[in-house]
Amino acid sequence: MPRVKRGSHRRQRRKKYLDLTSGFFLTKSKLYRSAKEASERALKFAYRGRKERKRQFRSLWIARINAGARAHQLTYGQFMHGLKLAGVELDRKILADIAVEDASGFAALASQARAALARTPAA
């Protein structure tokens, strides 16, 4: 069986990991084995973080909408239910932006939601 020499491939692989971990603390940016472990761990956290960021933004939007709704004597649930009954199809991201940037526009949405809630019979 022929002998395998991995000169360039080995160098490329090690260079890849050391480039990924440049800026890491102590041996994690200097030694191949530590760099490989650190980069794999960092990539794992990055993958998880991309999922987590979506949850965090949704929570932020809900908090902003809730604050705007409570300024108009509605809870978040009442506000969203009223908008659904009124046929307003704005997502939470847009509603949160309106709550922060455009107080008069949000007041109009709140009055629409309140009117739609008033039209429905109490359960």
PDB file of N, CA and C in Angstrom:
ATOM      1  N   MET A   1       0.829  -1.173   0.000  1.00  0.00           N
ATOM      2  CA  MET A   1       0.000   0.000   0.000  1.00  0.00           C
ATOM      3  C   MET A   1       0.883   1.250   0.000  1.00  0.00           C
ATOM      4  N   PRO A   2       0.556   2.236  -0.833  1.00  0.00           N
ATOM      5  CA  PRO A   2       1.430   3.409  -0.911  1.00  0.00           C
ATOM      6  C   PRO A   2       1.326   4.286   0.334  1.00  0.00           C
ATOM      7  N   ARG A   3       2.395   4.977   0.566  1.00  0.00           N
ATOM      8  CA  ARG A   3       2.452   5.866   1.721  1.00  0.00           C
ATOM      9  C   ARG A   3       1.692   7.149   1.411  1.00  0.00           C
ATOM     10  N   VAL A   4       0.943   7.637   2.377  1.00  0.00           N
ATOM     11  CA  VAL A   4       0.161   8.869   2.182  1.00  0.00           C
ATOM     12  C   VAL A   4       0.875  10.011   2.879  1.00  0.00           C
ATOM     13  N   LYS A   5       1.159  11.050   2.108  1.00  0.00           N
ATOM     14  CA  LYS A   5       1.743  12.256   2.697  1.00  0.00           C
ATOM     15  C   LYS A   5       0.679  13.346   2.629  1.00  0.00           C
ATOM     16  N   ARG A   6       0.397  13.965   3.765  1.00  0.00           N
ATOM     17  CA  ARG A   6      -0.710  14.925   3.805  1.00  0.00           C
ATOM     18  C   ARG A   6      -0.212  16.355   4.003  1.00  0.00           C
ATOM     19  N   GLY A   7       0.921  16.690   3.464  1.00  0.00           N
ATOM     20  CA  GLY A   7       1.525  17.992   3.715  1.00  0.00           C
ATOM     21  C   GLY A   7       0.598  19.165   3.520  1.00  0.00           C
ATOM     22  N   SER A   8       0.108  19.360   2.293  1.00  0.00           N
ATOM     23  CA  SER A   8      -0.660  20.569   2.020  1.00  0.00           C
ATOM     24  C   SER A   8      -2.051  20.500   2.637  1.00  0.00           C
ATOM     25  N   HIS A   9      -2.690  19.317   2.609  1.00  0.00           N
ATOM     26  CA  HIS A   9      -4.031  19.192   3.181  1.00  0.00           C
ATOM     27  C   HIS A   9      -4.005  19.418   4.688  1.00  0.00           C
ATOM     28  N   ARG A  10      -2.994  18.878   5.332  1.00  0.00           N
ATOM     29  CA  ARG A  10      -2.884  19.062   6.778  1.00  0.00           C
ATOM     30  C   ARG A  10      -2.699  20.536   7.102  1.00  0.00           C
ATOM     31  N   ARG A  11      -1.834  21.190   6.324  1.00  0.00           N
ATOM     32  CA  ARG A  11      -1.589  22.620   6.552  1.00  0.00           C
ATOM     33  C   ARG A  11      -2.862  23.444   6.346  1.00  0.00           C
ATOM     34  N   GLN A  12      -3.591  23.106   5.269  1.00  0.00           N
ATOM     35  CA  GLN A  12      -4.825  23.860   4.970  1.00  0.00           C
ATOM     36  C   GLN A  12      -5.859  23.687   6.077  1.00  0.00           C
ATOM     37  N   ARG A  13      -6.001  22.452   6.561  1.00  0.00           N
ATOM     38  CA  ARG A  13      -6.985  22.204   7.614  1.00  0.00           C
ATOM     39  C   ARG A  13      -6.623  22.955   8.885  1.00  0.00           C
ATOM     40  N   ARG A  14      -5.344  22.888   9.258  1.00  0.00           N
ATOM     41  CA  ARG A  14      -4.914  23.571  10.478  1.00  0.00           C
ATOM     42  C   ARG A  14      -5.034  25.078  10.325  1.00  0.00           C
ATOM     43  N   LYS A  15      -4.696  25.584   9.153  1.00  0.00           N
ATOM     44  CA  LYS A  15      -4.787  27.029   8.897  1.00  0.00           C
ATOM     45  C   LYS A  15      -6.238  27.492   8.991  1.00  0.00           C
ATOM     46  N   LYS A  16      -7.162  26.669   8.491  1.00  0.00           N
ATOM     47  CA  LYS A  16      -8.585  27.008   8.529  1.00  0.00           C
ATOM     48  C   LYS A  16      -9.048  27.208   9.971  1.00  0.00           C
ATOM     49  N   TYR A  17      -8.701  26.268  10.851  1.00  0.00           N
ATOM     50  CA  TYR A  17      -9.126  26.373  12.244  1.00  0.00           C
ATOM     51  C   TYR A  17      -8.433  27.525  12.952  1.00  0.00           C
ATOM     52  N   LEU A  18      -7.161  27.741  12.662  1.00  0.00           N
ATOM     53  CA  LEU A  18      -6.448  28.829  13.329  1.00  0.00           C
ATOM     54  C   LEU A  18      -6.954  30.190  12.841  1.00  0.00           C
ATOM     55  N   ASP A  19      -7.374  30.273  11.576  1.00  0.00           N
ATOM     56  CA  ASP A  19      -7.966  31.521  11.082  1.00  0.00           C
ATOM     57  C   ASP A  19      -9.321  31.770  11.732  1.00  0.00           C
ATOM     58  N   LEU A  20     -10.101  30.698  11.911  1.00  0.00           N
ATOM     59  CA  LEU A  20     -11.416  30.840  12.548  1.00  0.00           C
ATOM     60  C   LEU A  20     -11.302  31.341  13.980  1.00  0.00           C
ATOM     61  N   THR A  21     -10.222  30.950  14.657  1.00  0.00           N
ATOM     62  CA  THR A  21     -10.102  31.271  16.081  1.00  0.00           C
ATOM     63  C   THR A  21      -9.132  32.414  16.345  1.00  0.00           C
ATOM     64  N   SER A  22      -8.758  33.160  15.330  1.00  0.00           N
ATOM     65  CA  SER A  22      -7.868  34.290  15.602  1.00  0.00           C
ATOM     66  C   SER A  22      -8.639  35.293  16.455  1.00  0.00           C
ATOM     67  N   GLY A  23      -7.990  35.760  17.523  1.00  0.00           N
ATOM     68  CA  GLY A  23      -8.664  36.649  18.447  1.00  0.00           C
ATOM     69  C   GLY A  23      -9.183  35.940  19.675  1.00  0.00           C
ATOM     70  N   PHE A  24      -9.167  34.604  19.684  1.00  0.00           N
ATOM     71  CA  PHE A  24      -9.588  33.873  20.870  1.00  0.00           C
ATOM     72  C   PHE A  24      -8.466  33.957  21.907  1.00  0.00           C
ATOM     73  N   PHE A  25      -8.795  33.643  23.163  1.00  0.00           N
ATOM     74  CA  PHE A  25      -7.887  33.838  24.285  1.00  0.00           C
ATOM     75  C   PHE A  25      -6.891  32.678  24.413  1.00  0.00           C
ATOM     76  N   LEU A  26      -5.636  33.031  24.659  1.00  0.00           N
ATOM     77  CA  LEU A  26      -4.541  32.101  24.934  1.00  0.00           C
ATOM     78  C   LEU A  26      -4.409  30.988  23.884  1.00  0.00           C
ATOM     79  N   THR A  27      -4.363  29.716  24.326  1.00  0.00           N
ATOM     80  CA  THR A  27      -4.045  28.631  23.402  1.00  0.00           C
ATOM     81  C   THR A  27      -5.145  28.385  22.385  1.00  0.00           C
ATOM     82  N   LYS A  28      -6.357  28.876  22.634  1.00  0.00           N
ATOM     83  CA  LYS A  28      -7.463  28.627  21.708  1.00  0.00           C
ATOM     84  C   LYS A  28      -7.214  29.244  20.341  1.00  0.00           C
ATOM     85  N   SER A  29      -6.310  30.207  20.278  1.00  0.00           N
ATOM     86  CA  SER A  29      -5.996  30.803  18.984  1.00  0.00           C
ATOM     87  C   SER A  29      -4.615  30.394  18.477  1.00  0.00           C
ATOM     88  N   LYS A  30      -3.890  29.598  19.271  1.00  0.00           N
ATOM     89  CA  LYS A  30      -2.512  29.269  18.906  1.00  0.00           C
ATOM     90  C   LYS A  30      -2.293  27.793  18.581  1.00  0.00           C
ATOM     91  N   LEU A  31      -2.910  26.921  19.364  1.00  0.00           N
ATOM     92  CA  LEU A  31      -2.663  25.492  19.219  1.00  0.00           C
ATOM     93  C   LEU A  31      -3.816  24.841  18.475  1.00  0.00           C
ATOM     94  N   TYR A  32      -3.470  23.944  17.561  1.00  0.00           N
ATOM     95  CA  TYR A  32      -4.472  23.371  16.655  1.00  0.00           C
ATOM     96  C   TYR A  32      -5.598  22.664  17.398  1.00  0.00           C
ATOM     97  N   ARG A  33      -5.257  21.780  18.336  1.00  0.00           N
ATOM     98  CA  ARG A  33      -6.301  20.998  18.990  1.00  0.00           C
ATOM     99  C   ARG A  33      -7.249  21.901  19.783  1.00  0.00           C
ATOM    100  N   SER A  34      -6.686  22.844  20.523  1.00  0.00           N
ATOM    101  CA  SER A  34      -7.516  23.778  21.289  1.00  0.00           C
ATOM    102  C   SER A  34      -8.346  24.655  20.364  1.00  0.00           C
ATOM    103  N   ALA A  35      -7.740  25.060  19.257  1.00  0.00           N
ATOM    104  CA  ALA A  35      -8.445  25.910  18.294  1.00  0.00           C
ATOM    105  C   ALA A  35      -9.612  25.162  17.675  1.00  0.00           C
ATOM    106  N   LYS A  36      -9.406  23.888  17.365  1.00  0.00           N
ATOM    107  CA  LYS A  36     -10.469  23.083  16.770  1.00  0.00           C
ATOM    108  C   LYS A  36     -11.638  22.936  17.745  1.00  0.00           C
ATOM    109  N   GLU A  37     -11.324  22.618  18.999  1.00  0.00           N
ATOM    110  CA  GLU A  37     -12.374  22.480  20.016  1.00  0.00           C
ATOM    111  C   GLU A  37     -13.122  23.799  20.215  1.00  0.00           C
ATOM    112  N   ALA A  38     -12.367  24.891  20.284  1.00  0.00           N
ATOM    113  CA  ALA A  38     -12.984  26.199  20.527  1.00  0.00           C
ATOM    114  C   ALA A  38     -13.852  26.629  19.361  1.00  0.00           C
ATOM    115  N   SER A  39     -13.400  26.366  18.133  1.00  0.00           N
ATOM    116  CA  SER A  39     -14.184  26.796  16.971  1.00  0.00           C
ATOM    117  C   SER A  39     -15.456  25.964  16.836  1.00  0.00           C
ATOM    118  N   GLU A  40     -15.369  24.668  17.127  1.00  0.00           N
ATOM    119  CA  GLU A  40     -16.569  23.829  17.068  1.00  0.00           C
ATOM    120  C   GLU A  40     -17.578  24.264  18.129  1.00  0.00           C
ATOM    121  N   ARG A  41     -17.086  24.619  19.296  1.00  0.00           N
ATOM    122  CA  ARG A  41     -17.962  25.095  20.367  1.00  0.00           C
ATOM    123  C   ARG A  41     -18.594  26.433  19.974  1.00  0.00           C
ATOM    124  N   ALA A  42     -17.784  27.300  19.396  1.00  0.00           N
ATOM    125  CA  ALA A  42     -18.293  28.615  18.978  1.00  0.00           C
ATOM    126  C   ALA A  42     -19.345  28.473  17.885  1.00  0.00           C
ATOM    127  N   LEU A  43     -19.126  27.565  16.956  1.00  0.00           N
ATOM    128  CA  LEU A  43     -20.104  27.351  15.888  1.00  0.00           C
ATOM    129  C   LEU A  43     -21.405  26.779  16.440  1.00  0.00           C
ATOM    130  N   LYS A  44     -21.287  25.938  17.468  1.00  0.00           N
ATOM    131  CA  LYS A  44     -22.477  25.376  18.107  1.00  0.00           C
ATOM    132  C   LYS A  44     -23.289  26.490  18.771  1.00  0.00           C
ATOM    133  N   PHE A  45     -22.603  27.386  19.485  1.00  0.00           N
ATOM    134  CA  PHE A  45     -23.285  28.510  20.134  1.00  0.00           C
ATOM    135  C   PHE A  45     -23.894  29.445  19.091  1.00  0.00           C
ATOM    136  N   ALA A  46     -23.195  29.643  17.986  1.00  0.00           N
ATOM    137  CA  ALA A  46     -23.702  30.540  16.942  1.00  0.00           C
ATOM    138  C   ALA A  46     -24.974  29.975  16.323  1.00  0.00           C
ATOM    139  N   TYR A  47     -25.002  28.666  16.106  1.00  0.00           N
ATOM    140  CA  TYR A  47     -26.190  28.020  15.549  1.00  0.00           C
ATOM    141  C   TYR A  47     -27.372  28.190  16.495  1.00  0.00           C
ATOM    142  N   ARG A  48     -27.125  27.932  17.772  1.00  0.00           N
ATOM    143  CA  ARG A  48     -28.185  28.065  18.767  1.00  0.00           C
ATOM    144  C   ARG A  48     -28.630  29.520  18.888  1.00  0.00           C
ATOM    145  N   GLY A  49     -27.667  30.428  18.798  1.00  0.00           N
ATOM    146  CA  GLY A  49     -27.967  31.851  18.924  1.00  0.00           C
ATOM    147  C   GLY A  49     -28.841  32.374  17.798  1.00  0.00           C
ATOM    148  N   ARG A  50     -28.670  31.819  16.602  1.00  0.00           N
ATOM    149  CA  ARG A  50     -29.510  32.258  15.474  1.00  0.00           C
ATOM    150  C   ARG A  50     -30.969  31.890  15.715  1.00  0.00           C
ATOM    151  N   LYS A  51     -31.201  30.775  16.382  1.00  0.00           N
ATOM    152  CA  LYS A  51     -32.574  30.386  16.709  1.00  0.00           C
ATOM    153  C   LYS A  51     -33.111  31.254  17.867  1.00  0.00           C
ATOM    154  N   GLU A  52     -32.251  31.489  18.849  1.00  0.00           N
ATOM    155  CA  GLU A  52     -32.636  32.235  20.041  1.00  0.00           C
ATOM    156  C   GLU A  52     -32.981  33.687  19.711  1.00  0.00           C
ATOM    157  N   ARG A  53     -32.244  34.258  18.761  1.00  0.00           N
ATOM    158  CA  ARG A  53     -32.458  35.663  18.399  1.00  0.00           C
ATOM    159  C   ARG A  53     -33.882  35.897  17.917  1.00  0.00           C
ATOM    160  N   LYS A  54     -34.444  34.949  17.195  1.00  0.00           N
ATOM    161  CA  LYS A  54     -35.820  35.071  16.698  1.00  0.00           C
ATOM    162  C   LYS A  54     -36.810  35.119  17.862  1.00  0.00           C
ATOM    163  N   ARG A  55     -36.574  34.276  18.885  1.00  0.00           N
ATOM    164  CA  ARG A  55     -37.446  34.270  20.064  1.00  0.00           C
ATOM    165  C   ARG A  55     -37.330  35.576  20.831  1.00  0.00           C
ATOM    166  N   GLN A  56     -36.106  36.087  20.961  1.00  0.00           N
ATOM    167  CA  GLN A  56     -35.891  37.315  21.711  1.00  0.00           C
ATOM    168  C   GLN A  56     -36.560  38.506  21.029  1.00  0.00           C
ATOM    169  N   PHE A  57     -36.482  38.567  19.693  1.00  0.00           N
ATOM    170  CA  PHE A  57     -37.123  39.672  18.994  1.00  0.00           C
ATOM    171  C   PHE A  57     -38.633  39.607  19.135  1.00  0.00           C
ATOM    172  N   ARG A  58     -39.202  38.412  19.051  1.00  0.00           N
ATOM    173  CA  ARG A  58     -40.652  38.284  19.222  1.00  0.00           C
ATOM    174  C   ARG A  58     -41.068  38.758  20.613  1.00  0.00           C
ATOM    175  N   SER A  59     -40.311  38.394  21.634  1.00  0.00           N
ATOM    176  CA  SER A  59     -40.596  38.850  22.999  1.00  0.00           C
ATOM    177  C   SER A  59     -40.521  40.369  23.103  1.00  0.00           C
ATOM    178  N   LEU A  60     -39.526  40.957  22.460  1.00  0.00           N
ATOM    179  CA  LEU A  60     -39.377  42.415  22.474  1.00  0.00           C
ATOM    180  C   LEU A  60     -40.567  43.090  21.803  1.00  0.00           C
ATOM    181  N   TRP A  61     -40.985  42.549  20.645  1.00  0.00           N
ATOM    182  CA  TRP A  61     -42.127  43.140  19.932  1.00  0.00           C
ATOM    183  C   TRP A  61     -43.384  43.057  20.793  1.00  0.00           C
ATOM    184  N   ILE A  62     -43.597  41.922  21.436  1.00  0.00           N
ATOM    185  CA  ILE A  62     -44.783  41.746  22.273  1.00  0.00           C
ATOM    186  C   ILE A  62     -44.760  42.731  23.443  1.00  0.00           C
ATOM    187  N   ALA A  63     -43.598  42.934  24.053  1.00  0.00           N
ATOM    188  CA  ALA A  63     -43.485  43.873  25.171  1.00  0.00           C
ATOM    189  C   ALA A  63     -43.821  45.289  24.719  1.00  0.00           C
ATOM    190  N   ARG A  64     -43.348  45.673  23.539  1.00  0.00           N
ATOM    191  CA  ARG A  64     -43.613  47.021  23.023  1.00  0.00           C
ATOM    192  C   ARG A  64     -45.094  47.202  22.682  1.00  0.00           C
ATOM    193  N   ILE A  65     -45.685  46.190  22.063  1.00  0.00           N
ATOM    194  CA  ILE A  65     -47.111  46.267  21.727  1.00  0.00           C
ATOM    195  C   ILE A  65     -47.937  46.332  23.009  1.00  0.00           C
ATOM    196  N   ASN A  66     -47.572  45.540  24.005  1.00  0.00           N
ATOM    197  CA  ASN A  66     -48.281  45.522  25.277  1.00  0.00           C
ATOM    198  C   ASN A  66     -48.221  46.891  25.947  1.00  0.00           C
ATOM    199  N   ALA A  67     -47.047  47.520  25.919  1.00  0.00           N
ATOM    200  CA  ALA A  67     -46.912  48.847  26.528  1.00  0.00           C
ATOM    201  C   ALA A  67     -47.809  49.857  25.813  1.00  0.00           C
ATOM    202  N   GLY A  68     -47.826  49.793  24.476  1.00  0.00           N
ATOM    203  CA  GLY A  68     -48.680  50.702  23.716  1.00  0.00           C
ATOM    204  C   GLY A  68     -50.154  50.433  23.958  1.00  0.00           C
ATOM    205  N   ALA A  69     -50.527  49.167  24.050  1.00  0.00           N
ATOM    206  CA  ALA A  69     -51.932  48.805  24.255  1.00  0.00           C
ATOM    207  C   ALA A  69     -52.393  49.249  25.638  1.00  0.00           C
ATOM    208  N   ARG A  70     -51.556  49.061  26.646  1.00  0.00           N
ATOM    209  CA  ARG A  70     -51.934  49.445  28.005  1.00  0.00           C
ATOM    210  C   ARG A  70     -52.065  50.960  28.144  1.00  0.00           C
ATOM    211  N   ALA A  71     -51.357  51.712  27.316  1.00  0.00           N
ATOM    212  CA  ALA A  71     -51.523  53.174  27.316  1.00  0.00           C
ATOM    213  C   ALA A  71     -52.921  53.554  26.824  1.00  0.00           C
ATOM    214  N   HIS A  72     -53.569  52.630  26.110  1.00  0.00           N
ATOM    215  CA  HIS A  72     -54.924  52.846  25.603  1.00  0.00           C
ATOM    216  C   HIS A  72     -55.948  51.953  26.317  1.00  0.00           C
ATOM    217  N   GLN A  73     -55.637  51.552  27.558  1.00  0.00           N
ATOM    218  CA  GLN A  73     -56.522  50.762  28.417  1.00  0.00           C
ATOM    219  C   GLN A  73     -56.936  49.424  27.792  1.00  0.00           C
ATOM    220  N   LEU A  74     -55.996  48.765  27.119  1.00  0.00           N
ATOM    221  CA  LEU A  74     -56.216  47.421  26.588  1.00  0.00           C
ATOM    222  C   LEU A  74     -55.045  46.549  27.014  1.00  0.00           C
ATOM    223  N   THR A  75     -55.295  45.263  27.201  1.00  0.00           N
ATOM    224  CA  THR A  75     -54.176  44.353  27.407  1.00  0.00           C
ATOM    225  C   THR A  75     -53.673  43.912  26.032  1.00  0.00           C
ATOM    226  N   TYR A  76     -52.518  43.263  26.045  1.00  0.00           N
ATOM    227  CA  TYR A  76     -51.956  42.773  24.780  1.00  0.00           C
ATOM    228  C   TYR A  76     -52.916  41.802  24.105  1.00  0.00           C
ATOM    229  N   GLY A  77     -53.471  40.872  24.890  1.00  0.00           N
ATOM    230  CA  GLY A  77     -54.376  39.866  24.334  1.00  0.00           C
ATOM    231  C   GLY A  77     -55.638  40.482  23.763  1.00  0.00           C
ATOM    232  N   GLN A  78     -56.208  41.442  24.495  1.00  0.00           N
ATOM    233  CA  GLN A  78     -57.413  42.126  24.006  1.00  0.00           C
ATOM    234  C   GLN A  78     -57.103  42.883  22.714  1.00  0.00           C
ATOM    235  N   PHE A  79     -55.962  43.565  22.698  1.00  0.00           N
ATOM    236  CA  PHE A  79     -55.568  44.347  21.521  1.00  0.00           C
ATOM    237  C   PHE A  79     -55.414  43.458  20.294  1.00  0.00           C
ATOM    238  N   MET A  80     -54.676  42.353  20.452  1.00  0.00           N
ATOM    239  CA  MET A  80     -54.445  41.455  19.315  1.00  0.00           C
ATOM    240  C   MET A  80     -55.747  40.797  18.862  1.00  0.00           C
ATOM    241  N   HIS A  81     -56.601  40.406  19.808  1.00  0.00           N
ATOM    242  CA  HIS A  81     -57.875  39.786  19.462  1.00  0.00           C
ATOM    243  C   HIS A  81     -58.768  40.792  18.735  1.00  0.00           C
ATOM    244  N   GLY A  82     -58.769  42.028  19.223  1.00  0.00           N
ATOM    245  CA  GLY A  82     -59.551  43.073  18.565  1.00  0.00           C
ATOM    246  C   GLY A  82     -59.091  43.344  17.159  1.00  0.00           C
ATOM    247  N   LEU A  83     -57.779  43.360  16.959  1.00  0.00           N
ATOM    248  CA  LEU A  83     -57.248  43.576  15.599  1.00  0.00           C
ATOM    249  C   LEU A  83     -57.646  42.433  14.676  1.00  0.00           C
ATOM    250  N   LYS A  84     -57.622  41.217  15.208  1.00  0.00           N
ATOM    251  CA  LYS A  84     -58.001  40.057  14.394  1.00  0.00           C
ATOM    252  C   LYS A  84     -59.478  40.142  14.005  1.00  0.00           C
ATOM    253  N   LEU A  85     -60.331  40.535  14.968  1.00  0.00           N
ATOM    254  CA  LEU A  85     -61.757  40.685  14.678  1.00  0.00           C
ATOM    255  C   LEU A  85     -62.007  41.816  13.684  1.00  0.00           C
ATOM    256  N   ALA A  86     -61.180  42.867  13.760  1.00  0.00           N
ATOM    257  CA  ALA A  86     -61.330  44.020  12.867  1.00  0.00           C
ATOM    258  C   ALA A  86     -60.778  43.734  11.472  1.00  0.00           C
ATOM    259  N   GLY A  87     -60.058  42.626  11.326  1.00  0.00           N
ATOM    260  CA  GLY A  87     -59.502  42.266  10.020  1.00  0.00           C
ATOM    261  C   GLY A  87     -58.191  42.948   9.700  1.00  0.00           C
ATOM    262  N   VAL A  88     -57.505  43.448  10.724  1.00  0.00           N
ATOM    263  CA  VAL A  88     -56.200  44.090  10.531  1.00  0.00           C
ATOM    264  C   VAL A  88     -55.137  43.001  10.564  1.00  0.00           C
ATOM    265  N   GLU A  89     -54.408  42.854   9.476  1.00  0.00           N
ATOM    266  CA  GLU A  89     -53.418  41.779   9.373  1.00  0.00           C
ATOM    267  C   GLU A  89     -52.001  42.339   9.367  1.00  0.00           C
ATOM    268  N   LEU A  90     -51.625  42.981  10.462  1.00  0.00           N
ATOM    269  CA  LEU A  90     -50.252  43.466  10.618  1.00  0.00           C
ATOM    270  C   LEU A  90     -49.530  42.523  11.563  1.00  0.00           C
ATOM    271  N   ASP A  91     -48.274  42.215  11.239  1.00  0.00           N
ATOM    272  CA  ASP A  91     -47.536  41.318  12.120  1.00  0.00           C
ATOM    273  C   ASP A  91     -46.962  42.085  13.311  1.00  0.00           C
ATOM    274  N   ARG A  92     -46.432  41.348  14.274  1.00  0.00           N
ATOM    275  CA  ARG A  92     -45.974  41.946  15.520  1.00  0.00           C
ATOM    276  C   ARG A  92     -44.817  42.900  15.305  1.00  0.00           C
ATOM    277  N   LYS A  93     -43.965  42.612  14.348  1.00  0.00           N
ATOM    278  CA  LYS A  93     -42.819  43.479  14.084  1.00  0.00           C
ATOM    279  C   LYS A  93     -43.296  44.868  13.670  1.00  0.00           C
ATOM    280  N   ILE A  94     -44.259  44.923  12.759  1.00  0.00           N
ATOM    281  CA  ILE A  94     -44.782  46.197  12.275  1.00  0.00           C
ATOM    282  C   ILE A  94     -45.562  46.904  13.380  1.00  0.00           C
ATOM    283  N   LEU A  95     -46.379  46.156  14.126  1.00  0.00           N
ATOM    284  CA  LEU A  95     -47.140  46.754  15.217  1.00  0.00           C
ATOM    285  C   LEU A  95     -46.224  47.363  16.273  1.00  0.00           C
ATOM    286  N   ALA A  96     -45.128  46.673  16.603  1.00  0.00           N
ATOM    287  CA  ALA A  96     -44.183  47.196  17.582  1.00  0.00           C
ATOM    288  C   ALA A  96     -43.529  48.472  17.066  1.00  0.00           C
ATOM    289  N   ASP A  97     -43.201  48.498  15.784  1.00  0.00           N
ATOM    290  CA  ASP A  97     -42.596  49.685  15.188  1.00  0.00           C
ATOM    291  C   ASP A  97     -43.576  50.859  15.230  1.00  0.00           C
ATOM    292  N   ILE A  98     -44.835  50.590  14.925  1.00  0.00           N
ATOM    293  CA  ILE A  98     -45.857  51.640  14.983  1.00  0.00           C
ATOM    294  C   ILE A  98     -46.026  52.135  16.419  1.00  0.00           C
ATOM    295  N   ALA A  99     -46.004  51.221  17.388  1.00  0.00           N
ATOM    296  CA  ALA A  99     -46.165  51.597  18.799  1.00  0.00           C
ATOM    297  C   ALA A  99     -45.055  52.538  19.245  1.00  0.00           C
ATOM    298  N   VAL A 100     -43.845  52.319  18.740  1.00  0.00           N
ATOM    299  CA  VAL A 100     -42.704  53.136  19.152  1.00  0.00           C
ATOM    300  C   VAL A 100     -42.638  54.441  18.355  1.00  0.00           C
ATOM    301  N   GLU A 101     -42.843  54.368  17.051  1.00  0.00           N
ATOM    302  CA  GLU A 101     -42.601  55.522  16.177  1.00  0.00           C
ATOM    303  C   GLU A 101     -43.818  56.413  15.959  1.00  0.00           C
ATOM    304  N   ASP A 102     -45.014  55.836  15.895  1.00  0.00           N
ATOM    305  CA  ASP A 102     -46.199  56.582  15.470  1.00  0.00           C
ATOM    306  C   ASP A 102     -47.325  56.412  16.491  1.00  0.00           C
ATOM    307  N   ALA A 103     -47.356  57.299  17.479  1.00  0.00           N
ATOM    308  CA  ALA A 103     -48.345  57.173  18.560  1.00  0.00           C
ATOM    309  C   ALA A 103     -49.768  57.366  18.042  1.00  0.00           C
ATOM    310  N   SER A 104     -49.971  58.300  17.124  1.00  0.00           N
ATOM    311  CA  SER A 104     -51.326  58.545  16.619  1.00  0.00           C
ATOM    312  C   SER A 104     -51.828  57.360  15.786  1.00  0.00           C
ATOM    313  N   GLY A 105     -50.946  56.762  15.013  1.00  0.00           N
ATOM    314  CA  GLY A 105     -51.314  55.576  14.238  1.00  0.00           C
ATOM    315  C   GLY A 105     -51.672  54.411  15.137  1.00  0.00           C
ATOM    316  N   PHE A 106     -50.913  54.243  16.218  1.00  0.00           N
ATOM    317  CA  PHE A 106     -51.206  53.161  17.153  1.00  0.00           C
ATOM    318  C   PHE A 106     -52.525  53.419  17.880  1.00  0.00           C
ATOM    319  N   ALA A 107     -52.804  54.698  18.164  1.00  0.00           N
ATOM    320  CA  ALA A 107     -54.078  55.046  18.807  1.00  0.00           C
ATOM    321  C   ALA A 107     -55.242  54.677  17.892  1.00  0.00           C
ATOM    322  N   ALA A 108     -55.077  54.907  16.587  1.00  0.00           N
ATOM    323  CA  ALA A 108     -56.131  54.537  15.637  1.00  0.00           C
ATOM    324  C   ALA A 108     -56.338  53.027  15.617  1.00  0.00           C
ATOM    325  N   LEU A 109     -55.245  52.265  15.653  1.00  0.00           N
ATOM    326  CA  LEU A 109     -55.351  50.803  15.700  1.00  0.00           C
ATOM    327  C   LEU A 109     -56.033  50.348  16.987  1.00  0.00           C
ATOM    328  N   ALA A 110     -55.700  50.996  18.096  1.00  0.00           N
ATOM    329  CA  ALA A 110     -56.313  50.636  19.379  1.00  0.00           C
ATOM    330  C   ALA A 110     -57.814  50.917  19.357  1.00  0.00           C
ATOM    331  N   SER A 111     -58.209  52.036  18.746  1.00  0.00           N
ATOM    332  CA  SER A 111     -59.644  52.340  18.680  1.00  0.00           C
ATOM    333  C   SER A 111     -60.368  51.339  17.769  1.00  0.00           C
ATOM    334  N   GLN A 112     -59.705  50.916  16.689  1.00  0.00           N
ATOM    335  CA  GLN A 112     -60.280  49.882  15.811  1.00  0.00           C
ATOM    336  C   GLN A 112     -60.473  48.579  16.585  1.00  0.00           C
ATOM    337  N   ALA A 113     -59.451  48.209  17.348  1.00  0.00           N
ATOM    338  CA  ALA A 113     -59.508  46.970  18.120  1.00  0.00           C
ATOM    339  C   ALA A 113     -60.621  47.058  19.168  1.00  0.00           C
ATOM    340  N   ARG A 114     -60.724  48.199  19.854  1.00  0.00           N
ATOM    341  CA  ARG A 114     -61.754  48.375  20.871  1.00  0.00           C
ATOM    342  C   ARG A 114     -63.152  48.300  20.259  1.00  0.00           C
ATOM    343  N   ALA A 115     -63.333  48.925  19.086  1.00  0.00           N
ATOM    344  CA  ALA A 115     -64.632  48.904  18.410  1.00  0.00           C
ATOM    345  C   ALA A 115     -65.005  47.478  18.001  1.00  0.00           C
ATOM    346  N   ALA A 116     -64.034  46.732  17.494  1.00  0.00           N
ATOM    347  CA  ALA A 116     -64.302  45.351  17.077  1.00  0.00           C
ATOM    348  C   ALA A 116     -64.650  44.485  18.283  1.00  0.00           C
ATOM    349  N   LEU A 117     -64.000  44.728  19.408  1.00  0.00           N
ATOM    350  CA  LEU A 117     -64.317  43.967  20.624  1.00  0.00           C
ATOM    351  C   LEU A 117     -65.712  44.304  21.135  1.00  0.00           C
ATOM    352  N   ALA A 118     -66.111  45.561  20.985  1.00  0.00           N
ATOM    353  CA  ALA A 118     -67.433  45.986  21.457  1.00  0.00           C
ATOM    354  C   ALA A 118     -68.554  45.376  20.612  1.00  0.00           C
ATOM    355  N   ARG A 119     -68.257  45.135  19.320  1.00  0.00           N
ATOM    356  CA  ARG A 119     -69.268  44.559  18.428  1.00  0.00           C
ATOM    357  C   ARG A 119     -69.567  43.104  18.710  1.00  0.00           C
ATOM    358  N   THR A 120     -68.618  42.391  19.268  1.00  0.00           N
ATOM    359  CA  THR A 120     -68.803  40.958  19.523  1.00  0.00           C
ATOM    360  C   THR A 120     -69.533  40.763  20.845  1.00  0.00           C
ATOM    361  N   PRO A 121     -70.438  39.809  20.908  1.00  0.00           N
ATOM    362  CA  PRO A 121     -71.149  39.556  22.169  1.00  0.00           C
ATOM    363  C   PRO A 121     -70.219  38.942  23.203  1.00  0.00           C
ATOM    364  N   ALA A 122     -70.416  39.276  24.448  1.00  0.00           N
ATOM    365  CA  ALA A 122     -69.600  38.739  25.537  1.00  0.00           C
ATOM    366  C   ALA A 122     -69.891  37.249  25.719  1.00  0.00           C
ATOM    367  N   ALA A 123     -68.851  36.490  25.968  1.00  0.00           N
ATOM    368  CA  ALA A 123     -69.023  35.042  26.087  1.00  0.00           C
ATOM    369  C   ALA A 123     -69.513  34.642  27.448  1.00  0.00           C
TER     370      ALA A 123
END
